[in-house]
PDB file of N, CA and C in Angstrom:
ATOM      1  N   UNK A   1     -39.029  91.425   9.612  1.00  0.00           N
ATOM      2  CA  UNK A   1     -38.720  90.044  10.127  1.00  0.00           C
ATOM      3  C   UNK A   1     -39.613  89.510   9.334  1.00  0.00           C
ATOM      4  N   UNK A   2     -38.916  88.005   8.830  1.00  0.00           N
ATOM      5  CA  UNK A   2     -39.531  87.315   8.122  1.00  0.00           C
ATOM      6  C   UNK A   2     -40.465  85.972   8.806  1.00  0.00           C
ATOM      7  N   UNK A   3     -41.462  85.526   8.580  1.00  0.00           N
ATOM      8  CA  UNK A   3     -42.282  84.589   8.992  1.00  0.00           C
ATOM      9  C   UNK A   3     -41.573  83.543   9.689  1.00  0.00           C
ATOM     10  N   UNK A   4     -40.906  82.457   8.955  1.00  0.00           N
ATOM     11  CA  UNK A   4     -40.292  81.675   9.914  1.00  0.00           C
ATOM     12  C   UNK A   4     -39.623  82.535  11.308  1.00  0.00           C
ATOM     13  N   UNK A   5     -38.971  83.505  10.986  1.00  0.00           N
ATOM     14  CA  UNK A   5     -38.265  84.298  12.489  1.00  0.00           C
ATOM     15  C   UNK A   5     -39.353  84.206  13.182  1.00  0.00           C
ATOM     16  N   UNK A   6     -40.422  84.443  13.458  1.00  0.00           N
ATOM     17  CA  UNK A   6     -41.780  84.751  14.549  1.00  0.00           C
ATOM     18  C   UNK A   6     -42.024  83.230  15.108  1.00  0.00           C
ATOM     19  N   UNK A   7     -42.360  82.268  14.322  1.00  0.00           N
ATOM     20  CA  UNK A   7     -42.123  81.002  14.360  1.00  0.00           C
ATOM     21  C   UNK A   7     -40.963  80.573  15.278  1.00  0.00           C
ATOM     22  N   UNK A   8     -39.842  80.676  14.698  1.00  0.00           N
ATOM     23  CA  UNK A   8     -38.474  80.180  16.009  1.00  0.00           C
ATOM     24  C   UNK A   8     -38.662  81.195  17.005  1.00  0.00           C
ATOM     25  N   UNK A   9     -38.977  82.194  17.104  1.00  0.00           N
ATOM     26  CA  UNK A   9     -38.997  83.248  18.638  1.00  0.00           C
ATOM     27  C   UNK A   9     -40.014  82.567  19.075  1.00  0.00           C
ATOM     28  N   UNK A  10     -41.001  81.727  19.111  1.00  0.00           N
ATOM     29  CA  UNK A  10     -42.537  81.681  19.582  1.00  0.00           C
ATOM     30  C   UNK A  10     -41.563  80.152  19.843  1.00  0.00           C
ATOM     31  N   UNK A  11     -41.146  79.213  18.784  1.00  0.00           N
ATOM     32  CA  UNK A  11     -40.542  78.047  19.571  1.00  0.00           C
ATOM     33  C   UNK A  11     -39.690  78.160  20.685  1.00  0.00           C
ATOM     34  N   UNK A  12     -38.812  79.019  20.683  1.00  0.00           N
ATOM     35  CA  UNK A  12     -37.623  79.383  21.239  1.00  0.00           C
ATOM     36  C   UNK A  12     -38.071  79.681  22.948  1.00  0.00           C
ATOM     37  N   UNK A  13     -39.194  80.583  22.895  1.00  0.00           N
ATOM     38  CA  UNK A  13     -39.986  80.764  24.327  1.00  0.00           C
ATOM     39  C   UNK A  13     -40.541  79.526  24.643  1.00  0.00           C
ATOM     40  N   UNK A  14     -41.452  79.079  23.666  1.00  0.00           N
ATOM     41  CA  UNK A  14     -41.794  77.654  24.636  1.00  0.00           C
ATOM     42  C   UNK A  14     -40.898  76.597  25.052  1.00  0.00           C
ATOM     43  N   UNK A  15     -40.083  76.801  24.444  1.00  0.00           N
ATOM     44  CA  UNK A  15     -38.997  75.939  24.856  1.00  0.00           C
ATOM     45  C   UNK A  15     -38.010  76.324  26.351  1.00  0.00           C
ATOM     46  N   UNK A  16     -38.248  77.586  26.545  1.00  0.00           N
ATOM     47  CA  UNK A  16     -37.633  78.374  27.760  1.00  0.00           C
ATOM     48  C   UNK A  16     -38.072  77.920  28.534  1.00  0.00           C
ATOM     49  N   UNK A  17     -39.268  77.485  28.438  1.00  0.00           N
ATOM     50  CA  UNK A  17     -41.012  77.312  29.837  1.00  0.00           C
ATOM     51  C   UNK A  17     -40.982  75.904  30.133  1.00  0.00           C
ATOM     52  N   UNK A  18     -40.433  75.003  29.290  1.00  0.00           N
ATOM     53  CA  UNK A  18     -40.631  73.722  29.470  1.00  0.00           C
ATOM     54  C   UNK A  18     -40.806  72.949  30.741  1.00  0.00           C
ATOM     55  N   UNK A  19     -39.811  73.459  31.096  1.00  0.00           N
ATOM     56  CA  UNK A  19     -39.478  73.140  32.671  1.00  0.00           C
ATOM     57  C   UNK A  19     -40.210  73.461  33.861  1.00  0.00           C
ATOM     58  N   UNK A  20     -40.745  74.345  33.222  1.00  0.00           N
ATOM     59  CA  UNK A  20     -41.822  74.936  34.673  1.00  0.00           C
ATOM     60  C   UNK A  20     -42.907  74.397  34.570  1.00  0.00           C
ATOM     61  N   UNK A  21     -43.436  74.584  35.882  1.00  0.00           N
ATOM     62  CA  UNK A  21     -44.435  73.157  36.562  1.00  0.00           C
ATOM     63  C   UNK A  21     -45.440  73.997  37.103  1.00  0.00           C
ATOM     64  N   UNK A  22     -46.271  75.033  36.230  1.00  0.00           N
ATOM     65  CA  UNK A  22     -47.008  76.105  36.811  1.00  0.00           C
ATOM     66  C   UNK A  22     -47.768  76.114  35.616  1.00  0.00           C
ATOM     67  N   UNK A  23     -49.274  76.348  36.260  1.00  0.00           N
ATOM     68  CA  UNK A  23     -50.756  76.323  35.386  1.00  0.00           C
ATOM     69  C   UNK A  23     -50.112  77.617  34.355  1.00  0.00           C
ATOM     70  N   UNK A  24     -50.034  78.723  35.115  1.00  0.00           N
ATOM     71  CA  UNK A  24     -49.754  79.982  33.951  1.00  0.00           C
ATOM     72  C   UNK A  24     -48.647  79.714  32.795  1.00  0.00           C
ATOM     73  N   UNK A  25     -47.846  79.108  33.767  1.00  0.00           N
ATOM     74  CA  UNK A  25     -46.884  78.786  32.038  1.00  0.00           C
ATOM     75  C   UNK A  25     -47.569  77.798  30.986  1.00  0.00           C
ATOM     76  N   UNK A  26     -48.423  76.707  31.717  1.00  0.00           N
ATOM     77  CA  UNK A  26     -48.943  75.765  30.806  1.00  0.00           C
ATOM     78  C   UNK A  26     -49.754  76.324  29.556  1.00  0.00           C
ATOM     79  N   UNK A  27     -50.700  77.007  30.538  1.00  0.00           N
ATOM     80  CA  UNK A  27     -51.672  77.832  29.212  1.00  0.00           C
ATOM     81  C   UNK A  27     -51.241  78.544  28.123  1.00  0.00           C
ATOM     82  N   UNK A  28     -49.497  79.227  28.640  1.00  0.00           N
ATOM     83  CA  UNK A  28     -49.004  79.912  27.866  1.00  0.00           C
ATOM     84  C   UNK A  28     -48.557  79.138  26.912  1.00  0.00           C
ATOM     85  N   UNK A  29     -47.903  77.847  26.964  1.00  0.00           N
ATOM     86  CA  UNK A  29     -47.306  76.661  26.267  1.00  0.00           C
ATOM     87  C   UNK A  29     -48.382  76.500  25.368  1.00  0.00           C
ATOM     88  N   UNK A  30     -49.317  76.171  25.708  1.00  0.00           N
ATOM     89  CA  UNK A  30     -50.695  76.014  24.994  1.00  0.00           C
ATOM     90  C   UNK A  30     -51.224  76.669  24.211  1.00  0.00           C
ATOM     91  N   UNK A  31     -51.495  77.793  24.192  1.00  0.00           N
ATOM     92  CA  UNK A  31     -50.965  79.483  23.472  1.00  0.00           C
ATOM     93  C   UNK A  31     -50.226  78.961  22.259  1.00  0.00           C
ATOM     94  N   UNK A  32     -48.773  79.075  22.994  1.00  0.00           N
ATOM     95  CA  UNK A  32     -47.482  79.233  21.851  1.00  0.00           C
ATOM     96  C   UNK A  32     -47.998  77.971  20.610  1.00  0.00           C
ATOM     97  N   UNK A  33     -48.249  76.493  21.218  1.00  0.00           N
ATOM     98  CA  UNK A  33     -48.686  75.737  20.603  1.00  0.00           C
ATOM     99  C   UNK A  33     -49.793  75.774  19.314  1.00  0.00           C
ATOM    100  N   UNK A  34     -50.694  76.509  19.875  1.00  0.00           N
ATOM    101  CA  UNK A  34     -52.053  76.555  18.769  1.00  0.00           C
ATOM    102  C   UNK A  34     -51.415  77.956  17.883  1.00  0.00           C
ATOM    103  N   UNK A  35     -50.885  78.677  18.246  1.00  0.00           N
ATOM    104  CA  UNK A  35     -50.512  79.946  17.128  1.00  0.00           C
ATOM    105  C   UNK A  35     -49.117  79.720  16.389  1.00  0.00           C
ATOM    106  N   UNK A  36     -48.365  78.409  16.992  1.00  0.00           N
ATOM    107  CA  UNK A  36     -47.699  77.982  16.169  1.00  0.00           C
ATOM    108  C   UNK A  36     -48.364  76.779  14.651  1.00  0.00           C
ATOM    109  N   UNK A  37     -48.853  76.437  15.207  1.00  0.00           N
ATOM    110  CA  UNK A  37     -49.867  75.359  14.523  1.00  0.00           C
ATOM    111  C   UNK A  37     -50.474  76.002  13.445  1.00  0.00           C
ATOM    112  N   UNK A  38     -51.331  77.334  13.942  1.00  0.00           N
ATOM    113  CA  UNK A  38     -51.730  78.282  13.283  1.00  0.00           C
ATOM    114  C   UNK A  38     -50.947  78.792  11.726  1.00  0.00           C
ATOM    115  N   UNK A  39     -49.589  79.350  12.118  1.00  0.00           N
ATOM    116  CA  UNK A  39     -49.150  79.592  11.559  1.00  0.00           C
ATOM    117  C   UNK A  39     -48.281  79.160  10.777  1.00  0.00           C
ATOM    118  N   UNK A  40     -48.276  78.152  11.131  1.00  0.00           N
ATOM    119  CA  UNK A  40     -47.186  77.037   9.602  1.00  0.00           C
ATOM    120  C   UNK A  40     -48.477  76.640   8.950  1.00  0.00           C
ATOM    121  N   UNK A  41     -49.564  76.563   8.712  1.00  0.00           N
ATOM    122  CA  UNK A  41     -50.634  76.220   7.851  1.00  0.00           C
ATOM    123  C   UNK A  41     -50.651  77.162   6.844  1.00  0.00           C
ATOM    124  N   UNK A  42     -50.070  78.122   6.648  1.00  0.00           N
ATOM    125  CA  UNK A  42     -49.269  79.375   5.886  1.00  0.00           C
ATOM    126  C   UNK A  42     -50.889  80.194   5.345  1.00  0.00           C
ATOM    127  N   UNK A  43     -51.588  80.351   6.625  1.00  0.00           N
ATOM    128  CA  UNK A  43     -52.964  81.258   6.139  1.00  0.00           C
ATOM    129  C   UNK A  43     -53.221  82.195   6.382  1.00  0.00           C
ATOM    130  N   UNK A  44     -52.248  82.823   7.497  1.00  0.00           N
ATOM    131  CA  UNK A  44     -51.629  83.948   7.903  1.00  0.00           C
ATOM    132  C   UNK A  44     -50.635  84.771   7.826  1.00  0.00           C
ATOM    133  N   UNK A  45     -51.662  85.733   7.036  1.00  0.00           N
ATOM    134  CA  UNK A  45     -50.750  87.016   6.441  1.00  0.00           C
ATOM    135  C   UNK A  45     -51.218  88.309   7.092  1.00  0.00           C
ATOM    136  N   UNK A  46     -49.778  88.920   7.346  1.00  0.00           N
ATOM    137  CA  UNK A  46     -50.298  90.777   7.543  1.00  0.00           C
ATOM    138  C   UNK A  46     -50.880  90.755   8.545  1.00  0.00           C
ATOM    139  N   UNK A  47     -52.372  91.609   8.797  1.00  0.00           N
ATOM    140  CA  UNK A  47     -52.920  91.556  10.414  1.00  0.00           C
ATOM    141  C   UNK A  47     -53.414  90.542  10.584  1.00  0.00           C
ATOM    142  N   UNK A  48     -53.488  89.624  10.030  1.00  0.00           N
ATOM    143  CA  UNK A  48     -54.028  87.622  11.373  1.00  0.00           C
ATOM    144  C   UNK A  48     -52.700  87.520  11.371  1.00  0.00           C
ATOM    145  N   UNK A  49     -51.667  87.661  10.985  1.00  0.00           N
ATOM    146  CA  UNK A  49     -50.496  86.736  11.538  1.00  0.00           C
ATOM    147  C   UNK A  49     -49.898  87.712  12.775  1.00  0.00           C
ATOM    148  N   UNK A  50     -50.107  89.508  12.470  1.00  0.00           N
ATOM    149  CA  UNK A  50     -49.846  90.100  13.613  1.00  0.00           C
ATOM    150  C   UNK A  50     -50.754  89.769  15.033  1.00  0.00           C
ATOM    151  N   UNK A  51     -51.817  89.328  14.699  1.00  0.00           N
ATOM    152  CA  UNK A  51     -53.185  88.921  15.559  1.00  0.00           C
ATOM    153  C   UNK A  51     -52.456  87.640  16.055  1.00  0.00           C
ATOM    154  N   UNK A  52     -52.590  86.599  15.364  1.00  0.00           N
ATOM    155  CA  UNK A  52     -52.247  85.650  16.134  1.00  0.00           C
ATOM    156  C   UNK A  52     -50.812  85.782  16.823  1.00  0.00           C
ATOM    157  N   UNK A  53     -49.649  86.427  16.932  1.00  0.00           N
ATOM    158  CA  UNK A  53     -48.793  86.842  17.645  1.00  0.00           C
ATOM    159  C   UNK A  53     -49.258  87.440  19.016  1.00  0.00           C
ATOM    160  N   UNK A  54     -50.128  88.353  18.317  1.00  0.00           N
ATOM    161  CA  UNK A  54     -50.277  89.038  19.745  1.00  0.00           C
ATOM    162  C   UNK A  54     -51.385  88.225  20.497  1.00  0.00           C
ATOM    163  N   UNK A  55     -52.157  87.122  20.336  1.00  0.00           N
ATOM    164  CA  UNK A  55     -52.560  86.773  21.289  1.00  0.00           C
ATOM    165  C   UNK A  55     -51.838  86.230  22.770  1.00  0.00           C
ATOM    166  N   UNK A  56     -50.681  85.606  22.059  1.00  0.00           N
ATOM    167  CA  UNK A  56     -49.581  84.973  22.627  1.00  0.00           C
ATOM    168  C   UNK A  56     -48.945  86.416  23.719  1.00  0.00           C
ATOM    169  N   UNK A  57     -48.596  87.560  23.484  1.00  0.00           N
ATOM    170  CA  UNK A  57     -47.751  88.087  23.982  1.00  0.00           C
ATOM    171  C   UNK A  57     -49.209  89.269  25.072  1.00  0.00           C
ATOM    172  N   UNK A  58     -50.585  89.016  24.373  1.00  0.00           N
ATOM    173  CA  UNK A  58     -51.447  89.912  25.631  1.00  0.00           C
ATOM    174  C   UNK A  58     -51.439  88.620  26.458  1.00  0.00           C
ATOM    175  N   UNK A  59     -51.636  87.148  26.497  1.00  0.00           N
ATOM    176  CA  UNK A  59     -51.376  86.297  27.638  1.00  0.00           C
ATOM    177  C   UNK A  59     -50.634  86.134  28.567  1.00  0.00           C
ATOM    178  N   UNK A  60     -49.261  86.592  28.071  1.00  0.00           N
ATOM    179  CA  UNK A  60     -47.929  86.666  28.834  1.00  0.00           C
ATOM    180  C   UNK A  60     -48.608  87.865  29.582  1.00  0.00           C
ATOM    181  N   UNK A  61     -48.560  89.047  28.353  1.00  0.00           N
ATOM    182  CA  UNK A  61     -48.750  90.018  29.431  1.00  0.00           C
ATOM    183  C   UNK A  61     -49.357  90.289  31.118  1.00  0.00           C
ATOM    184  N   UNK A  62     -50.716  89.570  30.675  1.00  0.00           N
ATOM    185  CA  UNK A  62     -51.880  89.792  31.539  1.00  0.00           C
ATOM    186  C   UNK A  62     -51.356  88.691  32.883  1.00  0.00           C
ATOM    187  N   UNK A  63     -50.942  87.598  31.924  1.00  0.00           N
ATOM    188  CA  UNK A  63     -50.656  86.573  33.725  1.00  0.00           C
ATOM    189  C   UNK A  63     -49.230  87.566  34.082  1.00  0.00           C
ATOM    190  N   UNK A  64     -48.651  88.040  33.630  1.00  0.00           N
ATOM    191  CA  UNK A  64     -47.383  89.029  34.006  1.00  0.00           C
ATOM    192  C   UNK A  64     -47.524  90.052  35.043  1.00  0.00           C
ATOM    193  N   UNK A  65     -48.851  90.718  34.754  1.00  0.00           N
ATOM    194  CA  UNK A  65     -49.763  91.621  35.368  1.00  0.00           C
ATOM    195  C   UNK A  65     -50.267  91.147  36.940  1.00  0.00           C
ATOM    196  N   UNK A  66     -51.353  90.197  36.203  1.00  0.00           N
ATOM    197  CA  UNK A  66     -52.332  90.119  37.175  1.00  0.00           C
ATOM    198  C   UNK A  66     -51.913  88.517  38.249  1.00  0.00           C
ATOM    199  N   UNK A  67     -50.462  88.245  37.556  1.00  0.00           N
ATOM    200  CA  UNK A  67     -50.661  86.168  38.461  1.00  0.00           C
ATOM    201  C   UNK A  67     -49.754  86.871  38.495  1.00  0.00           C
ATOM    202  N   UNK A  68     -48.876  87.617  39.113  1.00  0.00           N
ATOM    203  CA  UNK A  68     -47.325  87.563  39.120  1.00  0.00           C
ATOM    204  C   UNK A  68     -46.626  86.533  38.822  1.00  0.00           C
ATOM    205  N   UNK A  69     -46.514  86.474  37.664  1.00  0.00           N
ATOM    206  CA  UNK A  69     -45.597  85.454  36.527  1.00  0.00           C
ATOM    207  C   UNK A  69     -44.202  85.931  36.353  1.00  0.00           C
ATOM    208  N   UNK A  70     -43.597  85.333  36.501  1.00  0.00           N
ATOM    209  CA  UNK A  70     -42.340  85.831  36.685  1.00  0.00           C
ATOM    210  C   UNK A  70     -40.971  84.825  35.682  1.00  0.00           C
ATOM    211  N   UNK A  71     -40.231  85.413  35.063  1.00  0.00           N
ATOM    212  CA  UNK A  71     -39.364  84.895  34.088  1.00  0.00           C
ATOM    213  C   UNK A  71     -38.206  84.788  34.547  1.00  0.00           C
ATOM    214  N   UNK A  72     -37.412  83.599  34.402  1.00  0.00           N
ATOM    215  CA  UNK A  72     -35.798  83.516  34.679  1.00  0.00           C
ATOM    216  C   UNK A  72     -35.457  84.575  33.443  1.00  0.00           C
ATOM    217  N   UNK A  73     -33.514  84.940  34.211  1.00  0.00           N
ATOM    218  CA  UNK A  73     -33.198  85.479  32.883  1.00  0.00           C
ATOM    219  C   UNK A  73     -33.348  85.325  31.652  1.00  0.00           C
ATOM    220  N   UNK A  74     -33.446  83.965  31.223  1.00  0.00           N
ATOM    221  CA  UNK A  74     -33.142  83.443  29.643  1.00  0.00           C
ATOM    222  C   UNK A  74     -34.403  84.101  29.017  1.00  0.00           C
ATOM    223  N   UNK A  75     -35.642  83.391  29.998  1.00  0.00           N
ATOM    224  CA  UNK A  75     -36.800  83.585  29.256  1.00  0.00           C
ATOM    225  C   UNK A  75     -36.712  84.946  29.306  1.00  0.00           C
ATOM    226  N   UNK A  76     -36.429  85.525  30.060  1.00  0.00           N
ATOM    227  CA  UNK A  76     -36.843  87.142  29.623  1.00  0.00           C
ATOM    228  C   UNK A  76     -36.131  87.530  28.417  1.00  0.00           C
ATOM    229  N   UNK A  77     -34.714  87.297  28.083  1.00  0.00           N
ATOM    230  CA  UNK A  77     -34.481  87.890  26.507  1.00  0.00           C
ATOM    231  C   UNK A  77     -34.895  87.071  25.816  1.00  0.00           C
ATOM    232  N   UNK A  78     -35.714  85.905  25.351  1.00  0.00           N
ATOM    233  CA  UNK A  78     -36.673  85.304  24.724  1.00  0.00           C
ATOM    234  C   UNK A  78     -37.776  85.886  24.329  1.00  0.00           C
ATOM    235  N   UNK A  79     -38.581  86.763  25.500  1.00  0.00           N
ATOM    236  CA  UNK A  79     -39.960  86.942  25.571  1.00  0.00           C
ATOM    237  C   UNK A  79     -39.634  88.774  25.113  1.00  0.00           C
ATOM    238  N   UNK A  80     -38.437  89.237  25.448  1.00  0.00           N
ATOM    239  CA  UNK A  80     -37.842  90.473  25.162  1.00  0.00           C
ATOM    240  C   UNK A  80     -38.434  90.566  23.613  1.00  0.00           C
ATOM    241  N   UNK A  81     -37.482  89.889  23.108  1.00  0.00           N
ATOM    242  CA  UNK A  81     -37.259  89.603  21.788  1.00  0.00           C
ATOM    243  C   UNK A  81     -38.939  89.687  21.031  1.00  0.00           C
ATOM    244  N   UNK A  82     -39.618  88.534  21.419  1.00  0.00           N
ATOM    245  CA  UNK A  82     -40.798  88.082  20.865  1.00  0.00           C
ATOM    246  C   UNK A  82     -41.999  89.437  21.064  1.00  0.00           C
ATOM    247  N   UNK A  83     -41.797  90.128  22.209  1.00  0.00           N
ATOM    248  CA  UNK A  83     -42.705  91.075  22.575  1.00  0.00           C
ATOM    249  C   UNK A  83     -42.362  92.270  21.034  1.00  0.00           C
ATOM    250  N   UNK A  84     -40.938  92.835  21.425  1.00  0.00           N
ATOM    251  CA  UNK A  84     -40.423  93.767  20.479  1.00  0.00           C
ATOM    252  C   UNK A  84     -40.552  93.755  19.011  1.00  0.00           C
ATOM    253  N   UNK A  85     -40.599  92.458  18.116  1.00  0.00           N
ATOM    254  CA  UNK A  85     -40.785  91.871  17.387  1.00  0.00           C
ATOM    255  C   UNK A  85     -42.439  92.058  17.188  1.00  0.00           C
ATOM    256  N   UNK A  86     -43.251  91.779  17.873  1.00  0.00           N
ATOM    257  CA  UNK A  86     -44.766  91.660  17.924  1.00  0.00           C
ATOM    258  C   UNK A  86     -45.047  93.253  17.556  1.00  0.00           C
ATOM    259  N   UNK A  87     -44.488  94.313  18.773  1.00  0.00           N
ATOM    260  CA  UNK A  87     -44.782  95.318  18.722  1.00  0.00           C
ATOM    261  C   UNK A  87     -44.709  96.182  17.494  1.00  0.00           C
ATOM    262  N   UNK A  88     -43.609  95.847  16.893  1.00  0.00           N
ATOM    263  CA  UNK A  88     -42.716  96.178  15.458  1.00  0.00           C
ATOM    264  C   UNK A  88     -44.072  96.612  14.592  1.00  0.00           C
ATOM    265  N   UNK A  89     -44.222  94.873  14.286  1.00  0.00           N
ATOM    266  CA  UNK A  89     -45.239  94.515  13.505  1.00  0.00           C
ATOM    267  C   UNK A  89     -46.224  95.383  13.723  1.00  0.00           C
ATOM    268  N   UNK A  90     -46.835  95.142  14.986  1.00  0.00           N
ATOM    269  CA  UNK A  90     -48.344  95.384  15.112  1.00  0.00           C
ATOM    270  C   UNK A  90     -48.227  96.616  14.795  1.00  0.00           C
ATOM    271  N   UNK A  91     -47.199  97.849  15.179  1.00  0.00           N
ATOM    272  CA  UNK A  91     -47.028  99.090  14.490  1.00  0.00           C
ATOM    273  C   UNK A  91     -47.003  99.557  12.856  1.00  0.00           C
ATOM    274  N   UNK A  92     -46.084  98.398  12.655  1.00  0.00           N
ATOM    275  CA  UNK A  92     -46.009  98.558  10.887  1.00  0.00           C
ATOM    276  C   UNK A  92     -47.700  98.375  10.258  1.00  0.00           C
ATOM    277  N   UNK A  93     -48.430  97.168  10.812  1.00  0.00           N
ATOM    278  CA  UNK A  93     -49.763  97.200  10.511  1.00  0.00           C
ATOM    279  C   UNK A  93     -50.674  98.162  10.619  1.00  0.00           C
ATOM    280  N   UNK A  94     -50.446  98.869  11.535  1.00  0.00           N
ATOM    281  CA  UNK A  94     -51.247 100.175  11.853  1.00  0.00           C
ATOM    282  C   UNK A  94     -50.983 101.226  11.070  1.00  0.00           C
ATOM    283  N   UNK A  95     -50.022 101.503  10.778  1.00  0.00           N
ATOM    284  CA  UNK A  95     -48.789 102.370   9.623  1.00  0.00           C
ATOM    285  C   UNK A  95     -49.958 102.197   8.706  1.00  0.00           C
ATOM    286  N   UNK A  96     -49.628 101.184   8.237  1.00  0.00           N
ATOM    287  CA  UNK A  96     -50.500 100.274   6.703  1.00  0.00           C
ATOM    288  C   UNK A  96     -51.847 100.892   6.607  1.00  0.00           C
ATOM    289  N   UNK A  97     -52.632 100.459   7.713  1.00  0.00           N
ATOM    290  CA  UNK A  97     -54.016 100.328   7.546  1.00  0.00           C
ATOM    291  C   UNK A  97     -54.321 101.965   7.453  1.00  0.00           C
ATOM    292  N   UNK A  98     -53.668 102.540   8.633  1.00  0.00           N
ATOM    293  CA  UNK A  98     -54.146 104.141   8.411  1.00  0.00           C
ATOM    294  C   UNK A  98     -53.630 104.568   6.880  1.00  0.00           C
ATOM    295  N   UNK A  99     -53.163 104.381   5.994  1.00  0.00           N
ATOM    296  CA  UNK A  99     -53.440 104.755   4.556  1.00  0.00           C
ATOM    297  C   UNK A  99     -54.363 104.044   3.503  1.00  0.00           C
ATOM    298  N   UNK A 100     -55.222 102.854   3.921  1.00  0.00           N
ATOM    299  CA  UNK A 100     -55.793 102.449   3.337  1.00  0.00           C
ATOM    300  C   UNK A 100     -57.268 103.550   3.288  1.00  0.00           C
ATOM    301  N   UNK A 101     -57.263 104.280   2.033  1.00  0.00           N
ATOM    302  CA  UNK A 101     -58.732 104.837   1.977  1.00  0.00           C
ATOM    303  C   UNK A 101     -60.404 104.336   2.214  1.00  0.00           C
ATOM    304  N   UNK A 102     -60.768 104.872   2.813  1.00  0.00           N
ATOM    305  CA  UNK A 102     -61.873 104.552   3.308  1.00  0.00           C
ATOM    306  C   UNK A 102     -63.348 105.409   2.400  1.00  0.00           C
ATOM    307  N   UNK A 103     -64.151 104.591   1.583  1.00  0.00           N
ATOM    308  CA  UNK A 103     -65.007 105.350   0.974  1.00  0.00           C
ATOM    309  C   UNK A 103     -66.179 106.248   1.754  1.00  0.00           C
TER     310      UNK A 103
END
Protein backbone atom coordinates (compact mmCIF):
# COMPACT_ATOMS: atom_id res chain seq x y z
CA UNK A 1 0.00 0.00 0.00
CA UNK A 2 1.29 3.44 -0.89
CA UNK A 3 1.95 6.18 1.62
CA UNK A 4 -0.95 8.36 0.39
CA UNK A 5 -3.36 5.43 0.68
CA UNK A 6 -2.78 5.28 4.44
CA UNK A 7 -3.50 8.98 4.71
CA UNK A 8 -6.67 8.50 2.64
CA UNK A 9 -7.84 5.67 4.90
CA UNK A 10 -7.20 7.77 8.00
CA UNK A 11 -9.06 10.73 6.52
CA UNK A 12 -11.99 8.53 5.42
CA UNK A 13 -12.24 7.07 8.91
CA UNK A 14 -12.08 10.56 10.44
CA UNK A 15 -14.85 11.77 8.12
CA UNK A 16 -17.03 8.81 9.05
CA UNK A 17 -16.73 9.82 12.70
CA UNK A 18 -17.36 13.56 12.42
CA UNK A 19 -21.13 13.34 13.00
CA UNK A 20 -20.59 11.69 16.38
CA UNK A 21 -20.59 13.79 19.56
CA UNK A 22 -18.89 11.34 21.88
CA UNK A 23 -15.74 12.07 23.94
CA UNK A 24 -14.21 8.80 22.72
CA UNK A 25 -14.79 9.81 19.11
CA UNK A 26 -13.28 13.23 19.76
CA UNK A 27 -10.18 11.51 21.15
CA UNK A 28 -9.91 9.32 18.04
CA UNK A 29 -10.37 12.28 15.69
CA UNK A 30 -7.65 14.20 17.54
CA UNK A 31 -5.26 11.24 17.22
CA UNK A 32 -6.09 10.87 13.53
CA UNK A 33 -5.48 14.60 12.97
CA UNK A 34 -2.10 14.33 14.71
CA UNK A 35 -1.16 11.22 12.73
CA UNK A 36 -2.20 12.69 9.38
CA UNK A 37 -0.29 15.90 10.12
CA UNK A 38 2.80 13.85 11.01
CA UNK A 39 2.52 11.67 7.91
CA UNK A 40 2.06 14.65 5.60
CA UNK A 41 5.44 16.01 6.70
CA UNK A 42 7.01 13.12 4.77
CA UNK A 43 9.43 12.39 7.62
CA UNK A 44 7.93 9.03 8.56
CA UNK A 45 9.11 5.92 6.74
CA UNK A 46 9.16 2.18 7.38
CA UNK A 47 8.76 1.37 11.07
CA UNK A 48 8.08 5.02 12.00
CA UNK A 49 5.14 5.08 9.57
CA UNK A 50 3.82 1.84 11.04
CA UNK A 51 4.16 3.27 14.54
CA UNK A 52 2.11 6.33 13.59
CA UNK A 53 -0.63 4.13 12.13
CA UNK A 54 -0.53 1.82 15.12
CA UNK A 55 -1.16 4.76 17.48
CA UNK A 56 -4.59 5.18 15.89
CA UNK A 57 -5.32 1.45 15.73
CA UNK A 58 -4.37 0.90 19.37
CA UNK A 59 -6.49 3.82 20.55
CA UNK A 60 -9.58 2.63 18.68
CA UNK A 61 -9.14 -0.98 19.79
CA UNK A 62 -8.72 0.07 23.42
CA UNK A 63 -11.81 2.30 23.29
CA UNK A 64 -13.81 -0.50 21.68
CA UNK A 65 -12.67 -3.01 24.29
CA UNK A 66 -12.76 -0.93 27.45
CA UNK A 67 -15.18 1.94 26.79
CA UNK A 68 -17.78 0.05 24.77
CA UNK A 69 -17.21 2.15 21.66
CA UNK A 70 -19.55 1.09 18.86
CA UNK A 71 -19.11 1.83 15.17
CA UNK A 72 -21.89 1.91 12.60
CA UNK A 73 -21.75 -0.20 9.43
CA UNK A 74 -19.92 2.38 7.29
CA UNK A 75 -17.48 3.25 10.07
CA UNK A 76 -16.79 -0.45 10.58
CA UNK A 77 -15.99 -0.98 6.89
CA UNK A 78 -13.50 1.88 6.83
CA UNK A 79 -12.11 0.84 10.21
CA UNK A 80 -11.57 -2.75 9.07
CA UNK A 81 -9.64 -1.57 5.99
CA UNK A 82 -7.47 0.74 8.09
CA UNK A 83 -6.85 -1.88 10.78
CA UNK A 84 -6.07 -4.64 8.29
CA UNK A 85 -3.70 -2.42 6.29
CA UNK A 86 -1.92 -1.42 9.48
CA UNK A 87 -1.51 -5.01 10.66
CA UNK A 88 -0.24 -6.06 7.23
CA UNK A 89 2.33 -3.29 7.36
CA UNK A 90 3.23 -4.24 10.93
CA UNK A 91 3.77 -7.87 9.89
CA UNK A 92 5.85 -6.81 6.89
CA UNK A 93 8.02 -4.52 9.04
CA UNK A 94 8.42 -7.25 11.63
CA UNK A 95 9.53 -9.74 9.00
CA UNK A 96 12.06 -7.26 7.63
CA UNK A 97 13.44 -6.53 11.08
CA UNK A 98 13.98 -10.24 11.70
CA UNK A 99 16.42 -10.35 8.80
CA UNK A 100 18.61 -7.54 10.07
CA UNK A 101 21.81 -9.10 11.42
CA UNK A 102 22.86 -7.91 14.84
CA UNK A 103 26.54 -7.94 15.80
